[in-house]
Amino acid sequence: MVAALKALGNDRRLKILDWLKDPRAHFREQVDGDLVADGVCGLLIAEKLGVSQPTLSEHMRILVAAGLVIPKRIKQWTFYRRDEPAIAAVKAAFTAEV
């Protein structure tokens, strides 16, 4: 839960998660991989976010470590999609009565 809180504590990572909710609406078609089934190529995310590839890699490393995003390698690229059950579990933990 701490990793998820850290991941969610950054505006750029929140934007990425929001964009990945509906990848066809936010990203152009890619040569390899389906935007929904395989995820969005890290290069497209970096381009849209306006950051370098190393900066994006760090954001994605944090999201993956928190279990909020699932990476998939296709050729030399990494594609990312949301882990909806994990995100639902985090939301449930926030709304649970203490």
PDB file of N, CA and C in Angstrom:
ATOM      1  N   MET A   1       0.820  -1.191   0.000  1.00  0.00           N
ATOM      2  CA  MET A   1       0.000   0.000   0.000  1.00  0.00           C
ATOM      3  C   MET A   1       0.866   1.258   0.000  1.00  0.00           C
ATOM      4  N   VAL A   2       2.001   1.220   0.673  1.00  0.00           N
ATOM      5  CA  VAL A   2       2.894   2.377   0.716  1.00  0.00           C
ATOM      6  C   VAL A   2       3.413   2.694  -0.685  1.00  0.00           C
ATOM      7  N   ALA A   3       3.773   1.652  -1.450  1.00  0.00           N
ATOM      8  CA  ALA A   3       4.264   1.858  -2.820  1.00  0.00           C
ATOM      9  C   ALA A   3       3.178   2.484  -3.686  1.00  0.00           C
ATOM     10  N   ALA A   4       1.939   2.051  -3.495  1.00  0.00           N
ATOM     11  CA  ALA A   4       0.828   2.622  -4.266  1.00  0.00           C
ATOM     12  C   ALA A   4       0.625   4.089  -3.915  1.00  0.00           C
ATOM     13  N   LEU A   5       0.721   4.415  -2.630  1.00  0.00           N
ATOM     14  CA  LEU A   5       0.571   5.811  -2.217  1.00  0.00           C
ATOM     15  C   LEU A   5       1.676   6.685  -2.800  1.00  0.00           C
ATOM     16  N   LYS A   6       2.896   6.165  -2.792  1.00  0.00           N
ATOM     17  CA  LYS A   6       4.017   6.899  -3.370  1.00  0.00           C
ATOM     18  C   LYS A   6       3.781   7.106  -4.868  1.00  0.00           C
ATOM     19  N   ALA A   7       3.340   6.059  -5.544  1.00  0.00           N
ATOM     20  CA  ALA A   7       3.095   6.150  -6.985  1.00  0.00           C
ATOM     21  C   ALA A   7       2.007   7.163  -7.300  1.00  0.00           C
ATOM     22  N   LEU A   8       0.978   7.206  -6.478  1.00  0.00           N
ATOM     23  CA  LEU A   8      -0.154   8.097  -6.717  1.00  0.00           C
ATOM     24  C   LEU A   8       0.111   9.525  -6.259  1.00  0.00           C
ATOM     25  N   GLY A   9       1.217   9.742  -5.601  1.00  0.00           N
ATOM     26  CA  GLY A   9       1.544  11.055  -5.082  1.00  0.00           C
ATOM     27  C   GLY A   9       2.265  11.953  -6.075  1.00  0.00           C
ATOM     28  N   ASN A  10       2.172  11.641  -7.354  1.00  0.00           N
ATOM     29  CA  ASN A  10       2.851  12.421  -8.384  1.00  0.00           C
ATOM     30  C   ASN A  10       1.880  12.717  -9.522  1.00  0.00           C
ATOM     31  N   ASP A  11       1.768  13.976  -9.886  1.00  0.00           N
ATOM     32  CA  ASP A  11       0.817  14.380 -10.930  1.00  0.00           C
ATOM     33  C   ASP A  11       1.073  13.701 -12.268  1.00  0.00           C
ATOM     34  N   ARG A  12       2.338  13.541 -12.628  1.00  0.00           N
ATOM     35  CA  ARG A  12       2.648  12.896 -13.912  1.00  0.00           C
ATOM     36  C   ARG A  12       2.199  11.443 -13.920  1.00  0.00           C
ATOM     37  N   ARG A  13       2.414  10.738 -12.822  1.00  0.00           N
ATOM     38  CA  ARG A  13       1.989   9.329 -12.775  1.00  0.00           C
ATOM     39  C   ARG A  13       0.467   9.226 -12.778  1.00  0.00           C
ATOM     40  N   LEU A  14      -0.202  10.179 -12.143  1.00  0.00           N
ATOM     41  CA  LEU A  14      -1.673  10.187 -12.185  1.00  0.00           C
ATOM     42  C   LEU A  14      -2.168  10.417 -13.613  1.00  0.00           C
ATOM     43  N   LYS A  15      -1.498  11.316 -14.350  1.00  0.00           N
ATOM     44  CA  LYS A  15      -1.855  11.539 -15.754  1.00  0.00           C
ATOM     45  C   LYS A  15      -1.684  10.255 -16.560  1.00  0.00           C
ATOM     46  N   ILE A  16      -0.560   9.584 -16.361  1.00  0.00           N
ATOM     47  CA  ILE A  16      -0.299   8.342 -17.097  1.00  0.00           C
ATOM     48  C   ILE A  16      -1.401   7.334 -16.829  1.00  0.00           C
ATOM     49  N   LEU A  17      -1.751   7.140 -15.560  1.00  0.00           N
ATOM     50  CA  LEU A  17      -2.824   6.190 -15.228  1.00  0.00           C
ATOM     51  C   LEU A  17      -4.146   6.590 -15.863  1.00  0.00           C
ATOM     52  N   ASP A  18      -4.431   7.876 -15.890  1.00  0.00           N
ATOM     53  CA  ASP A  18      -5.664   8.354 -16.513  1.00  0.00           C
ATOM     54  C   ASP A  18      -5.647   8.079 -18.014  1.00  0.00           C
ATOM     55  N   TRP A  19      -4.538   8.385 -18.678  1.00  0.00           N
ATOM     56  CA  TRP A  19      -4.434   8.143 -20.115  1.00  0.00           C
ATOM     57  C   TRP A  19      -4.569   6.661 -20.437  1.00  0.00           C
ATOM     58  N   LEU A  20      -3.978   5.804 -19.599  1.00  0.00           N
ATOM     59  CA  LEU A  20      -4.026   4.359 -19.862  1.00  0.00           C
ATOM     60  C   LEU A  20      -5.420   3.774 -19.648  1.00  0.00           C
ATOM     61  N   LYS A  21      -6.294   4.533 -18.987  1.00  0.00           N
ATOM     62  CA  LYS A  21      -7.673   4.089 -18.790  1.00  0.00           C
ATOM     63  C   LYS A  21      -8.381   3.941 -20.143  1.00  0.00           C
ATOM     64  N   ASP A  22      -8.081   4.846 -21.079  1.00  0.00           N
ATOM     65  CA  ASP A  22      -8.672   4.820 -22.420  1.00  0.00           C
ATOM     66  C   ASP A  22      -7.573   5.130 -23.434  1.00  0.00           C
ATOM     67  N   PRO A  23      -6.697   4.159 -23.709  1.00  0.00           N
ATOM     68  CA  PRO A  23      -5.528   4.437 -24.542  1.00  0.00           C
ATOM     69  C   PRO A  23      -5.860   4.872 -25.970  1.00  0.00           C
ATOM     70  N   ARG A  24      -6.946   4.365 -26.536  1.00  0.00           N
ATOM     71  CA  ARG A  24      -7.292   4.746 -27.916  1.00  0.00           C
ATOM     72  C   ARG A  24      -7.653   6.233 -28.008  1.00  0.00           C
ATOM     73  N   ALA A  25      -8.181   6.798 -26.944  1.00  0.00           N
ATOM     74  CA  ALA A  25      -8.546   8.214 -26.941  1.00  0.00           C
ATOM     75  C   ALA A  25      -7.332   9.122 -26.741  1.00  0.00           C
ATOM     76  N   HIS A  26      -6.251   8.595 -26.181  1.00  0.00           N
ATOM     77  CA  HIS A  26      -5.123   9.437 -25.810  1.00  0.00           C
ATOM     78  C   HIS A  26      -3.848   9.209 -26.611  1.00  0.00           C
ATOM     79  N   PHE A  27      -3.768   8.090 -27.334  1.00  0.00           N
ATOM     80  CA  PHE A  27      -2.532   7.772 -28.054  1.00  0.00           C
ATOM     81  C   PHE A  27      -2.835   7.380 -29.494  1.00  0.00           C
ATOM     82  N   ARG A  28      -1.895   7.698 -30.375  1.00  0.00           N
ATOM     83  CA  ARG A  28      -2.028   7.283 -31.769  1.00  0.00           C
ATOM     84  C   ARG A  28      -1.760   5.781 -31.877  1.00  0.00           C
ATOM     85  N   GLU A  29      -2.195   5.201 -32.975  1.00  0.00           N
ATOM     86  CA  GLU A  29      -1.929   3.773 -33.192  1.00  0.00           C
ATOM     87  C   GLU A  29      -0.426   3.545 -33.240  1.00  0.00           C
ATOM     88  N   GLN A  30      -0.006   2.375 -32.810  1.00  0.00           N
ATOM     89  CA  GLN A  30       1.409   2.046 -32.784  1.00  0.00           C
ATOM     90  C   GLN A  30       1.691   0.900 -33.744  1.00  0.00           C
ATOM     91  N   VAL A  31       2.929   0.776 -34.184  1.00  0.00           N
ATOM     92  CA  VAL A  31       3.316  -0.237 -35.158  1.00  0.00           C
ATOM     93  C   VAL A  31       3.191  -1.630 -34.560  1.00  0.00           C
ATOM     94  N   ASP A  32       3.758  -1.821 -33.386  1.00  0.00           N
ATOM     95  CA  ASP A  32       3.715  -3.122 -32.706  1.00  0.00           C
ATOM     96  C   ASP A  32       2.752  -3.051 -31.538  1.00  0.00           C
ATOM     97  N   GLY A  33       2.018  -4.115 -31.324  1.00  0.00           N
ATOM     98  CA  GLY A  33       1.153  -4.220 -30.164  1.00  0.00           C
ATOM     99  C   GLY A  33      -0.141  -3.436 -30.286  1.00  0.00           C
ATOM    100  N   ASP A  34      -1.181  -3.995 -29.683  1.00  0.00           N
ATOM    101  CA  ASP A  34      -2.493  -3.354 -29.638  1.00  0.00           C
ATOM    102  C   ASP A  34      -2.548  -2.437 -28.418  1.00  0.00           C
ATOM    103  N   LEU A  35      -3.059  -1.230 -28.594  1.00  0.00           N
ATOM    104  CA  LEU A  35      -3.101  -0.256 -27.499  1.00  0.00           C
ATOM    105  C   LEU A  35      -3.815  -0.777 -26.255  1.00  0.00           C
ATOM    106  N   VAL A  36      -4.874  -1.561 -26.449  1.00  0.00           N
ATOM    107  CA  VAL A  36      -5.651  -2.059 -25.307  1.00  0.00           C
ATOM    108  C   VAL A  36      -5.104  -3.391 -24.814  1.00  0.00           C
ATOM    109  N   ALA A  37      -4.966  -4.358 -25.688  1.00  0.00           N
ATOM    110  CA  ALA A  37      -4.555  -5.709 -25.280  1.00  0.00           C
ATOM    111  C   ALA A  37      -3.113  -5.764 -24.786  1.00  0.00           C
ATOM    112  N   ASP A  38      -2.212  -5.083 -25.482  1.00  0.00           N
ATOM    113  CA  ASP A  38      -0.787  -5.142 -25.137  1.00  0.00           C
ATOM    114  C   ASP A  38      -0.325  -3.965 -24.299  1.00  0.00           C
ATOM    115  N   GLY A  39      -1.020  -2.851 -24.389  1.00  0.00           N
ATOM    116  CA  GLY A  39      -0.626  -1.650 -23.680  1.00  0.00           C
ATOM    117  C   GLY A  39      -0.024  -0.626 -24.613  1.00  0.00           C
ATOM    118  N   VAL A  40       0.379   0.480 -24.052  1.00  0.00           N
ATOM    119  CA  VAL A  40       0.919   1.602 -24.809  1.00  0.00           C
ATOM    120  C   VAL A  40       2.441   1.578 -24.711  1.00  0.00           C
ATOM    121  N   CYS A  41       3.101   1.776 -25.848  1.00  0.00           N
ATOM    122  CA  CYS A  41       4.561   1.815 -25.884  1.00  0.00           C
ATOM    123  C   CYS A  41       5.065   2.976 -25.019  1.00  0.00           C
ATOM    124  N   GLY A  42       6.101   2.704 -24.257  1.00  0.00           N
ATOM    125  CA  GLY A  42       6.693   3.725 -23.408  1.00  0.00           C
ATOM    126  C   GLY A  42       7.108   4.976 -24.172  1.00  0.00           C
ATOM    127  N   LEU A  43       7.530   4.809 -25.427  1.00  0.00           N
ATOM    128  CA  LEU A  43       7.928   5.974 -26.225  1.00  0.00           C
ATOM    129  C   LEU A  43       6.754   6.917 -26.459  1.00  0.00           C
ATOM    130  N   LEU A  44       5.565   6.358 -26.690  1.00  0.00           N
ATOM    131  CA  LEU A  44       4.388   7.202 -26.895  1.00  0.00           C
ATOM    132  C   LEU A  44       4.001   7.931 -25.615  1.00  0.00           C
ATOM    133  N   ILE A  45       4.135   7.239 -24.483  1.00  0.00           N
ATOM    134  CA  ILE A  45       3.809   7.869 -23.199  1.00  0.00           C
ATOM    135  C   ILE A  45       4.790   9.011 -22.921  1.00  0.00           C
ATOM    136  N   ALA A  46       6.092   8.769 -23.161  1.00  0.00           N
ATOM    137  CA  ALA A  46       7.112   9.800 -22.937  1.00  0.00           C
ATOM    138  C   ALA A  46       6.851  11.006 -23.832  1.00  0.00           C
ATOM    139  N   GLU A  47       6.485  10.742 -25.078  1.00  0.00           N
ATOM    140  CA  GLU A  47       6.196  11.814 -26.033  1.00  0.00           C
ATOM    141  C   GLU A  47       5.020  12.672 -25.546  1.00  0.00           C
ATOM    142  N   LYS A  48       3.941  12.020 -25.138  1.00  0.00           N
ATOM    143  CA  LYS A  48       2.745  12.750 -24.694  1.00  0.00           C
ATOM    144  C   LYS A  48       3.012  13.513 -23.398  1.00  0.00           C
ATOM    145  N   LEU A  49       3.790  12.916 -22.516  1.00  0.00           N
ATOM    146  CA  LEU A  49       4.093  13.549 -21.234  1.00  0.00           C
ATOM    147  C   LEU A  49       5.132  14.665 -21.378  1.00  0.00           C
ATOM    148  N   GLY A  50       5.877  14.635 -22.481  1.00  0.00           N
ATOM    149  CA  GLY A  50       6.895  15.658 -22.705  1.00  0.00           C
ATOM    150  C   GLY A  50       8.135  15.465 -21.867  1.00  0.00           C
ATOM    151  N   VAL A  51       8.506  14.190 -21.654  1.00  0.00           N
ATOM    152  CA  VAL A  51       9.693  13.876 -20.860  1.00  0.00           C
ATOM    153  C   VAL A  51      10.622  12.958 -21.652  1.00  0.00           C
ATOM    154  N   SER A  52      11.848  12.834 -21.179  1.00  0.00           N
ATOM    155  CA  SER A  52      12.813  11.933 -21.819  1.00  0.00           C
ATOM    156  C   SER A  52      12.469  10.488 -21.487  1.00  0.00           C
ATOM    157  N   GLN A  53      13.024   9.581 -22.257  1.00  0.00           N
ATOM    158  CA  GLN A  53      12.800   8.153 -22.019  1.00  0.00           C
ATOM    159  C   GLN A  53      13.278   7.732 -20.622  1.00  0.00           C
ATOM    160  N   PRO A  54      14.472   8.173 -20.167  1.00  0.00           N
ATOM    161  CA  PRO A  54      14.892   7.790 -18.810  1.00  0.00           C
ATOM    162  C   PRO A  54      13.939   8.291 -17.718  1.00  0.00           C
ATOM    163  N   THR A  55      13.411   9.504 -17.888  1.00  0.00           N
ATOM    164  CA  THR A  55      12.465  10.040 -16.910  1.00  0.00           C
ATOM    165  C   THR A  55      11.197   9.202 -16.898  1.00  0.00           C
ATOM    166  N   LEU A  56      10.699   8.864 -18.086  1.00  0.00           N
ATOM    167  CA  LEU A  56       9.501   8.033 -18.149  1.00  0.00           C
ATOM    168  C   LEU A  56       9.776   6.667 -17.523  1.00  0.00           C
ATOM    169  N   SER A  57      10.924   6.094 -17.807  1.00  0.00           N
ATOM    170  CA  SER A  57      11.263   4.778 -17.255  1.00  0.00           C
ATOM    171  C   SER A  57      11.188   4.777 -15.736  1.00  0.00           C
ATOM    172  N   GLU A  58      11.623   5.861 -15.115  1.00  0.00           N
ATOM    173  CA  GLU A  58      11.557   5.945 -13.654  1.00  0.00           C
ATOM    174  C   GLU A  58      10.109   6.019 -13.179  1.00  0.00           C
ATOM    175  N   HIS A  59       9.280   6.819 -13.853  1.00  0.00           N
ATOM    176  CA  HIS A  59       7.861   6.878 -13.489  1.00  0.00           C
ATOM    177  C   HIS A  59       7.207   5.501 -13.640  1.00  0.00           C
ATOM    178  N   MET A  60       7.514   4.818 -14.733  1.00  0.00           N
ATOM    179  CA  MET A  60       6.890   3.519 -14.984  1.00  0.00           C
ATOM    180  C   MET A  60       7.421   2.468 -14.004  1.00  0.00           C
ATOM    181  N   ARG A  61       8.694   2.562 -13.636  1.00  0.00           N
ATOM    182  CA  ARG A  61       9.263   1.623 -12.655  1.00  0.00           C
ATOM    183  C   ARG A  61       8.491   1.721 -11.343  1.00  0.00           C
ATOM    184  N   ILE A  62       8.163   2.945 -10.936  1.00  0.00           N
ATOM    185  CA  ILE A  62       7.426   3.157  -9.687  1.00  0.00           C
ATOM    186  C   ILE A  62       6.004   2.611  -9.808  1.00  0.00           C
ATOM    187  N   LEU A  63       5.352   2.866 -10.945  1.00  0.00           N
ATOM    188  CA  LEU A  63       3.980   2.351 -11.148  1.00  0.00           C
ATOM    189  C   LEU A  63       3.958   0.827 -11.199  1.00  0.00           C
ATOM    190  N   VAL A  64       4.956   0.222 -11.837  1.00  0.00           N
ATOM    191  CA  VAL A  64       5.034  -1.241 -11.901  1.00  0.00           C
ATOM    192  C   VAL A  64       5.309  -1.811 -10.511  1.00  0.00           C
ATOM    193  N   ALA A  65       6.249  -1.210  -9.774  1.00  0.00           N
ATOM    194  CA  ALA A  65       6.588  -1.686  -8.426  1.00  0.00           C
ATOM    195  C   ALA A  65       5.378  -1.603  -7.498  1.00  0.00           C
ATOM    196  N   ALA A  66       4.525  -0.602  -7.724  1.00  0.00           N
ATOM    197  CA  ALA A  66       3.319  -0.446  -6.908  1.00  0.00           C
ATOM    198  C   ALA A  66       2.219  -1.415  -7.334  1.00  0.00           C
ATOM    199  N   GLY A  67       2.434  -2.106  -8.450  1.00  0.00           N
ATOM    200  CA  GLY A  67       1.444  -3.068  -8.929  1.00  0.00           C
ATOM    201  C   GLY A  67       0.268  -2.430  -9.640  1.00  0.00           C
ATOM    202  N   LEU A  68       0.413  -1.190 -10.058  1.00  0.00           N
ATOM    203  CA  LEU A  68      -0.694  -0.488 -10.708  1.00  0.00           C
ATOM    204  C   LEU A  68      -0.671  -0.610 -12.227  1.00  0.00           C
ATOM    205  N   VAL A  69       0.491  -0.973 -12.764  1.00  0.00           N
ATOM    206  CA  VAL A  69       0.675  -1.072 -14.209  1.00  0.00           C
ATOM    207  C   VAL A  69       1.395  -2.378 -14.524  1.00  0.00           C
ATOM    208  N   ILE A  70       1.019  -2.988 -15.647  1.00  0.00           N
ATOM    209  CA  ILE A  70       1.628  -4.237 -16.083  1.00  0.00           C
ATOM    210  C   ILE A  70       2.497  -3.961 -17.315  1.00  0.00           C
ATOM    211  N   PRO A  71       3.795  -4.295 -17.239  1.00  0.00           N
ATOM    212  CA  PRO A  71       4.659  -4.104 -18.404  1.00  0.00           C
ATOM    213  C   PRO A  71       4.645  -5.347 -19.294  1.00  0.00           C
ATOM    214  N   LYS A  72       4.888  -5.143 -20.574  1.00  0.00           N
ATOM    215  CA  LYS A  72       4.982  -6.260 -21.525  1.00  0.00           C
ATOM    216  C   LYS A  72       6.034  -5.904 -22.561  1.00  0.00           C
ATOM    217  N   ARG A  73       6.991  -6.797 -22.764  1.00  0.00           N
ATOM    218  CA  ARG A  73       8.038  -6.563 -23.762  1.00  0.00           C
ATOM    219  C   ARG A  73       7.574  -7.098 -25.114  1.00  0.00           C
ATOM    220  N   ILE A  74       7.704  -6.266 -26.141  1.00  0.00           N
ATOM    221  CA  ILE A  74       7.485  -6.674 -27.524  1.00  0.00           C
ATOM    222  C   ILE A  74       8.673  -6.138 -28.301  1.00  0.00           C
ATOM    223  N   LYS A  75       9.447  -7.047 -28.884  1.00  0.00           N
ATOM    224  CA  LYS A  75      10.710  -6.693 -29.541  1.00  0.00           C
ATOM    225  C   LYS A  75      11.574  -5.958 -28.520  1.00  0.00           C
ATOM    226  N   GLN A  76      12.068  -4.763 -28.863  1.00  0.00           N
ATOM    227  CA  GLN A  76      12.921  -4.045 -27.914  1.00  0.00           C
ATOM    228  C   GLN A  76      12.157  -3.019 -27.091  1.00  0.00           C
ATOM    229  N   TRP A  77      10.831  -2.984 -27.216  1.00  0.00           N
ATOM    230  CA  TRP A  77      10.014  -1.968 -26.564  1.00  0.00           C
ATOM    231  C   TRP A  77       9.267  -2.524 -25.357  1.00  0.00           C
ATOM    232  N   THR A  78       8.942  -1.644 -24.429  1.00  0.00           N
ATOM    233  CA  THR A  78       8.105  -2.033 -23.298  1.00  0.00           C
ATOM    234  C   THR A  78       6.771  -1.306 -23.429  1.00  0.00           C
ATOM    235  N   PHE A  79       5.707  -2.083 -23.300  1.00  0.00           N
ATOM    236  CA  PHE A  79       4.341  -1.573 -23.395  1.00  0.00           C
ATOM    237  C   PHE A  79       3.703  -1.661 -22.013  1.00  0.00           C
ATOM    238  N   TYR A  80       2.827  -0.716 -21.699  1.00  0.00           N
ATOM    239  CA  TYR A  80       2.242  -0.655 -20.368  1.00  0.00           C
ATOM    240  C   TYR A  80       0.724  -0.573 -20.448  1.00  0.00           C
ATOM    241  N   ARG A  81       0.082  -1.312 -19.537  1.00  0.00           N
ATOM    242  CA  ARG A  81      -1.372  -1.194 -19.394  1.00  0.00           C
ATOM    243  C   ARG A  81      -1.701  -1.229 -17.907  1.00  0.00           C
ATOM    244  N   ARG A  82      -2.860  -0.701 -17.583  1.00  0.00           N
ATOM    245  CA  ARG A  82      -3.292  -0.650 -16.181  1.00  0.00           C
ATOM    246  C   ARG A  82      -3.605  -2.052 -15.658  1.00  0.00           C
ATOM    247  N   ASP A  83      -3.349  -2.271 -14.383  1.00  0.00           N
ATOM    248  CA  ASP A  83      -3.759  -3.503 -13.702  1.00  0.00           C
ATOM    249  C   ASP A  83      -5.044  -3.154 -12.953  1.00  0.00           C
ATOM    250  N   GLU A  84      -6.168  -3.317 -13.632  1.00  0.00           N
ATOM    251  CA  GLU A  84      -7.455  -2.878 -13.084  1.00  0.00           C
ATOM    252  C   GLU A  84      -7.809  -3.525 -11.745  1.00  0.00           C
ATOM    253  N   PRO A  85      -7.597  -4.853 -11.555  1.00  0.00           N
ATOM    254  CA  PRO A  85      -7.903  -5.428 -10.233  1.00  0.00           C
ATOM    255  C   PRO A  85      -7.057  -4.808  -9.113  1.00  0.00           C
ATOM    256  N   ALA A  86      -5.801  -4.534  -9.383  1.00  0.00           N
ATOM    257  CA  ALA A  86      -4.938  -3.918  -8.364  1.00  0.00           C
ATOM    258  C   ALA A  86      -5.386  -2.496  -8.055  1.00  0.00           C
ATOM    259  N   ILE A  87      -5.765  -1.754  -9.088  1.00  0.00           N
ATOM    260  CA  ILE A  87      -6.240  -0.383  -8.885  1.00  0.00           C
ATOM    261  C   ILE A  87      -7.545  -0.396  -8.089  1.00  0.00           C
ATOM    262  N   ALA A  88      -8.427  -1.352  -8.398  1.00  0.00           N
ATOM    263  CA  ALA A  88      -9.685  -1.476  -7.649  1.00  0.00           C
ATOM    264  C   ALA A  88      -9.414  -1.796  -6.178  1.00  0.00           C
ATOM    265  N   ALA A  89      -8.404  -2.634  -5.920  1.00  0.00           N
ATOM    266  CA  ALA A  89      -8.065  -2.981  -4.537  1.00  0.00           C
ATOM    267  C   ALA A  89      -7.549  -1.762  -3.769  1.00  0.00           C
ATOM    268  N   VAL A  90      -6.750  -0.928  -4.427  1.00  0.00           N
ATOM    269  CA  VAL A  90      -6.253   0.290  -3.786  1.00  0.00           C
ATOM    270  C   VAL A  90      -7.419   1.232  -3.487  1.00  0.00           C
ATOM    271  N   LYS A  91      -8.330   1.387  -4.458  1.00  0.00           N
ATOM    272  CA  LYS A  91      -9.500   2.233  -4.240  1.00  0.00           C
ATOM    273  C   LYS A  91     -10.340   1.711  -3.083  1.00  0.00           C
ATOM    274  N   ALA A  92     -10.514   0.406  -3.007  1.00  0.00           N
ATOM    275  CA  ALA A  92     -11.299  -0.206  -1.926  1.00  0.00           C
ATOM    276  C   ALA A  92     -10.642   0.042  -0.565  1.00  0.00           C
ATOM    277  N   ALA A  93      -9.321  -0.029  -0.529  1.00  0.00           N
ATOM    278  CA  ALA A  93      -8.605   0.201   0.725  1.00  0.00           C
ATOM    279  C   ALA A  93      -8.776   1.644   1.195  1.00  0.00           C
ATOM    280  N   PHE A  94      -8.852   2.583   0.258  1.00  0.00           N
ATOM    281  CA  PHE A  94      -9.054   3.982   0.627  1.00  0.00           C
ATOM    282  C   PHE A  94     -10.449   4.244   1.147  1.00  0.00           C
ATOM    283  N   THR A  95     -11.417   3.506   0.643  1.00  0.00           N
ATOM    284  CA  THR A  95     -12.805   3.749   1.034  1.00  0.00           C
ATOM    285  C   THR A  95     -13.260   2.863   2.180  1.00  0.00           C
ATOM    286  N   ALA A  96     -12.417   1.897   2.592  1.00  0.00           N
ATOM    287  CA  ALA A  96     -12.799   0.992   3.677  1.00  0.00           C
ATOM    288  C   ALA A  96     -12.870   1.757   4.995  1.00  0.00           C
ATOM    289  N   GLU A  97     -13.804   1.349   5.822  1.00  0.00           N
ATOM    290  CA  GLU A  97     -13.915   1.963   7.137  1.00  0.00           C
ATOM    291  C   GLU A  97     -12.780   1.507   8.032  1.00  0.00           C
ATOM    292  N   VAL A  98     -12.275   2.426   8.815  1.00  0.00           N
ATOM    293  CA  VAL A  98     -11.161   2.111   9.712  1.00  0.00           C
ATOM    294  C   VAL A  98     -11.678   1.884  11.101  1.00  0.00           C
TER     295      VAL A  98
END
